[in-house]
């Protein structure tokens, strides 16, 4: 398994962790920490995943599926 796949997998895990942290905060109704902190972190991780995948495709490290069906 390449290092790139491991990094992308960990970033996906961080996306889900921050999503569930925001959900837990929303369920408690706690206003001490803003929920936008966790949602913004989730957005940052998603953008990082997208940019890593675009760079990997452009450098030829991964190849996309040539036929979508």
N, C-alpha and C. Protein backbone atom coordinates (compact mmCIF):
# COMPACT_ATOMS: atom_id res chain seq x y z
N UNK A 1 0.85 -1.17 0.00
CA UNK A 1 0.00 0.00 0.00
C UNK A 1 0.90 1.23 0.00
N UNK A 2 0.61 2.14 -0.89
CA UNK A 2 1.48 3.30 -1.01
C UNK A 2 1.21 4.31 0.10
N UNK A 3 2.15 5.17 0.29
CA UNK A 3 2.05 6.20 1.32
C UNK A 3 0.90 7.15 1.02
N UNK A 4 0.66 7.42 -0.25
CA UNK A 4 -0.42 8.32 -0.63
C UNK A 4 -1.78 7.77 -0.20
N UNK A 5 -1.98 6.49 -0.38
CA UNK A 5 -3.25 5.87 0.03
C UNK A 5 -3.43 5.89 1.55
N UNK A 6 -2.36 5.72 2.26
CA UNK A 6 -2.42 5.78 3.73
C UNK A 6 -2.77 7.19 4.19
N UNK A 7 -2.16 8.20 3.57
CA UNK A 7 -2.45 9.59 3.93
C UNK A 7 -3.90 9.93 3.64
N UNK A 8 -4.40 9.53 2.48
CA UNK A 8 -5.79 9.81 2.12
C UNK A 8 -6.74 9.09 3.07
N UNK A 9 -6.41 7.87 3.46
CA UNK A 9 -7.25 7.13 4.40
C UNK A 9 -7.32 7.83 5.75
N UNK A 10 -6.18 8.29 6.24
CA UNK A 10 -6.18 9.01 7.51
C UNK A 10 -6.95 10.33 7.42
N UNK A 11 -6.86 11.01 6.30
CA UNK A 11 -7.62 12.24 6.13
C UNK A 11 -9.13 11.95 6.13
N UNK A 12 -9.55 10.84 5.51
CA UNK A 12 -10.96 10.46 5.57
C UNK A 12 -11.40 10.17 7.00
N UNK A 13 -10.53 9.52 7.77
CA UNK A 13 -10.85 9.25 9.18
C UNK A 13 -11.01 10.57 9.94
N UNK A 14 -10.12 11.53 9.69
CA UNK A 14 -10.23 12.83 10.34
C UNK A 14 -11.50 13.55 9.94
N UNK A 15 -11.93 13.40 8.70
CA UNK A 15 -13.19 14.01 8.24
C UNK A 15 -14.36 13.47 9.06
N UNK A 16 -14.42 12.15 9.21
CA UNK A 16 -15.52 11.54 9.95
C UNK A 16 -15.45 11.88 11.44
N UNK A 17 -14.26 11.93 11.99
CA UNK A 17 -14.13 12.27 13.41
C UNK A 17 -14.61 13.70 13.67
N UNK A 18 -14.21 14.63 12.82
CA UNK A 18 -14.64 16.01 13.03
C UNK A 18 -16.14 16.17 12.77
N UNK A 19 -16.68 15.38 11.85
CA UNK A 19 -18.13 15.42 11.60
C UNK A 19 -18.90 14.95 12.83
N UNK A 20 -18.45 13.87 13.45
CA UNK A 20 -19.14 13.35 14.63
C UNK A 20 -18.90 14.21 15.86
N UNK A 21 -17.77 14.91 15.92
CA UNK A 21 -17.57 15.87 17.01
C UNK A 21 -18.57 17.02 16.90
N UNK A 22 -18.79 17.50 15.68
CA UNK A 22 -19.77 18.57 15.49
C UNK A 22 -21.18 18.06 15.80
N UNK A 23 -21.47 16.81 15.43
CA UNK A 23 -22.79 16.24 15.72
C UNK A 23 -23.00 16.11 17.23
N UNK A 24 -22.00 15.66 17.94
CA UNK A 24 -22.10 15.52 19.39
C UNK A 24 -22.31 16.88 20.06
N UNK A 25 -21.59 17.88 19.55
CA UNK A 25 -21.74 19.23 20.09
C UNK A 25 -23.13 19.78 19.81
N UNK A 26 -23.66 19.46 18.63
CA UNK A 26 -25.00 19.93 18.27
C UNK A 26 -26.06 19.24 19.13
N UNK A 27 -25.87 17.97 19.41
CA UNK A 27 -26.82 17.22 20.23
C UNK A 27 -26.85 17.71 21.67
N UNK A 28 -25.68 18.08 22.21
CA UNK A 28 -25.61 18.55 23.59
C UNK A 28 -26.16 19.96 23.71
N UNK A 29 -26.05 20.75 22.65
CA UNK A 29 -26.49 22.13 22.72
C UNK A 29 -25.50 23.02 23.45
N UNK A 30 -24.28 22.56 23.56
CA UNK A 30 -23.23 23.30 24.26
C UNK A 30 -22.76 24.46 23.39
N UNK A 31 -22.71 25.65 23.96
CA UNK A 31 -22.29 26.81 23.19
C UNK A 31 -20.90 27.28 23.60
N UNK A 32 -20.20 26.50 24.41
CA UNK A 32 -18.87 26.91 24.84
C UNK A 32 -17.87 26.81 23.69
N UNK A 33 -18.05 25.82 22.81
CA UNK A 33 -17.20 25.67 21.63
C UNK A 33 -18.07 25.85 20.39
N UNK A 34 -17.62 26.64 19.43
CA UNK A 34 -18.43 26.80 18.23
C UNK A 34 -18.36 25.56 17.34
N UNK A 35 -19.52 25.20 16.81
CA UNK A 35 -19.59 24.03 15.95
C UNK A 35 -18.86 24.28 14.63
N UNK A 36 -18.73 25.54 14.25
CA UNK A 36 -18.06 25.86 12.99
C UNK A 36 -16.58 25.48 13.02
N UNK A 37 -16.01 25.37 14.20
CA UNK A 37 -14.61 24.94 14.32
C UNK A 37 -14.45 23.53 13.75
N UNK A 38 -15.34 22.63 14.12
CA UNK A 38 -15.25 21.25 13.64
C UNK A 38 -15.67 21.13 12.18
N UNK A 39 -16.67 21.89 11.78
CA UNK A 39 -17.10 21.84 10.39
C UNK A 39 -16.07 22.47 9.46
N UNK A 40 -15.41 23.51 9.92
CA UNK A 40 -14.34 24.11 9.14
C UNK A 40 -13.15 23.18 9.00
N UNK A 41 -12.85 22.46 10.07
CA UNK A 41 -11.77 21.47 10.03
C UNK A 41 -12.11 20.36 9.04
N UNK A 42 -13.38 19.95 9.03
CA UNK A 42 -13.83 18.93 8.09
C UNK A 42 -13.68 19.41 6.66
N UNK A 43 -14.03 20.66 6.41
CA UNK A 43 -13.89 21.23 5.07
C UNK A 43 -12.43 21.29 4.66
N UNK A 44 -11.56 21.64 5.58
CA UNK A 44 -10.13 21.69 5.29
C UNK A 44 -9.60 20.31 4.91
N UNK A 45 -10.01 19.27 5.63
CA UNK A 45 -9.55 17.93 5.31
C UNK A 45 -10.09 17.46 3.96
N UNK A 46 -11.32 17.83 3.63
CA UNK A 46 -11.89 17.45 2.34
C UNK A 46 -11.15 18.12 1.19
N UNK A 47 -10.80 19.38 1.36
CA UNK A 47 -10.04 20.09 0.33
C UNK A 47 -8.65 19.48 0.19
N UNK A 48 -8.05 19.09 1.30
CA UNK A 48 -6.73 18.45 1.25
C UNK A 48 -6.80 17.12 0.51
N UNK A 49 -7.85 16.34 0.74
CA UNK A 49 -8.01 15.08 0.03
C UNK A 49 -8.17 15.33 -1.47
N UNK A 50 -9.00 16.30 -1.82
CA UNK A 50 -9.24 16.62 -3.22
C UNK A 50 -7.95 17.07 -3.91
N UNK A 51 -7.19 17.94 -3.26
CA UNK A 51 -5.95 18.42 -3.86
C UNK A 51 -4.91 17.31 -3.98
N UNK A 52 -4.83 16.45 -2.98
CA UNK A 52 -3.89 15.32 -3.06
C UNK A 52 -4.25 14.39 -4.21
N UNK A 53 -5.54 14.14 -4.39
CA UNK A 53 -5.96 13.26 -5.47
C UNK A 53 -5.70 13.90 -6.84
N UNK A 54 -5.95 15.20 -6.96
CA UNK A 54 -5.66 15.88 -8.22
C UNK A 54 -4.16 15.87 -8.53
N UNK A 55 -3.34 16.11 -7.52
CA UNK A 55 -1.89 16.07 -7.72
C UNK A 55 -1.42 14.67 -8.07
N UNK A 56 -1.97 13.67 -7.42
CA UNK A 56 -1.56 12.29 -7.70
C UNK A 56 -1.96 11.88 -9.12
N UNK A 57 -3.12 12.32 -9.57
CA UNK A 57 -3.53 12.01 -10.93
C UNK A 57 -2.64 12.75 -11.94
N UNK A 58 -2.32 14.01 -11.67
CA UNK A 58 -1.50 14.77 -12.61
C UNK A 58 -0.06 14.26 -12.68
N UNK A 59 0.46 13.74 -11.58
CA UNK A 59 1.81 13.19 -11.60
C UNK A 59 1.85 11.71 -12.00
N UNK A 60 0.69 11.11 -12.19
CA UNK A 60 0.63 9.73 -12.63
C UNK A 60 0.81 8.70 -11.53
N UNK A 61 0.65 9.12 -10.28
CA UNK A 61 0.78 8.17 -9.18
C UNK A 61 -0.42 7.25 -9.08
N UNK A 62 -1.60 7.77 -9.40
CA UNK A 62 -2.81 6.95 -9.47
C UNK A 62 -3.47 7.21 -10.82
N UNK A 63 -4.18 6.23 -11.30
CA UNK A 63 -4.87 6.40 -12.58
C UNK A 63 -6.36 6.29 -12.34
N UNK A 64 -7.12 7.23 -12.87
CA UNK A 64 -8.57 7.15 -12.70
C UNK A 64 -9.17 6.08 -13.59
N UNK A 65 -10.37 5.70 -13.29
CA UNK A 65 -11.07 4.70 -14.08
C UNK A 65 -11.37 5.31 -15.45
N UNK A 66 -10.93 4.68 -16.54
CA UNK A 66 -11.15 5.30 -17.86
C UNK A 66 -12.61 5.23 -18.31
N UNK A 67 -13.34 4.25 -17.85
CA UNK A 67 -14.74 4.11 -18.22
C UNK A 67 -15.59 4.14 -16.96
N UNK A 68 -16.51 5.09 -16.86
CA UNK A 68 -17.29 5.19 -15.61
C UNK A 68 -18.39 4.17 -15.48
N UNK A 69 -18.58 3.30 -16.43
CA UNK A 69 -19.65 2.30 -16.35
C UNK A 69 -19.12 0.91 -16.55
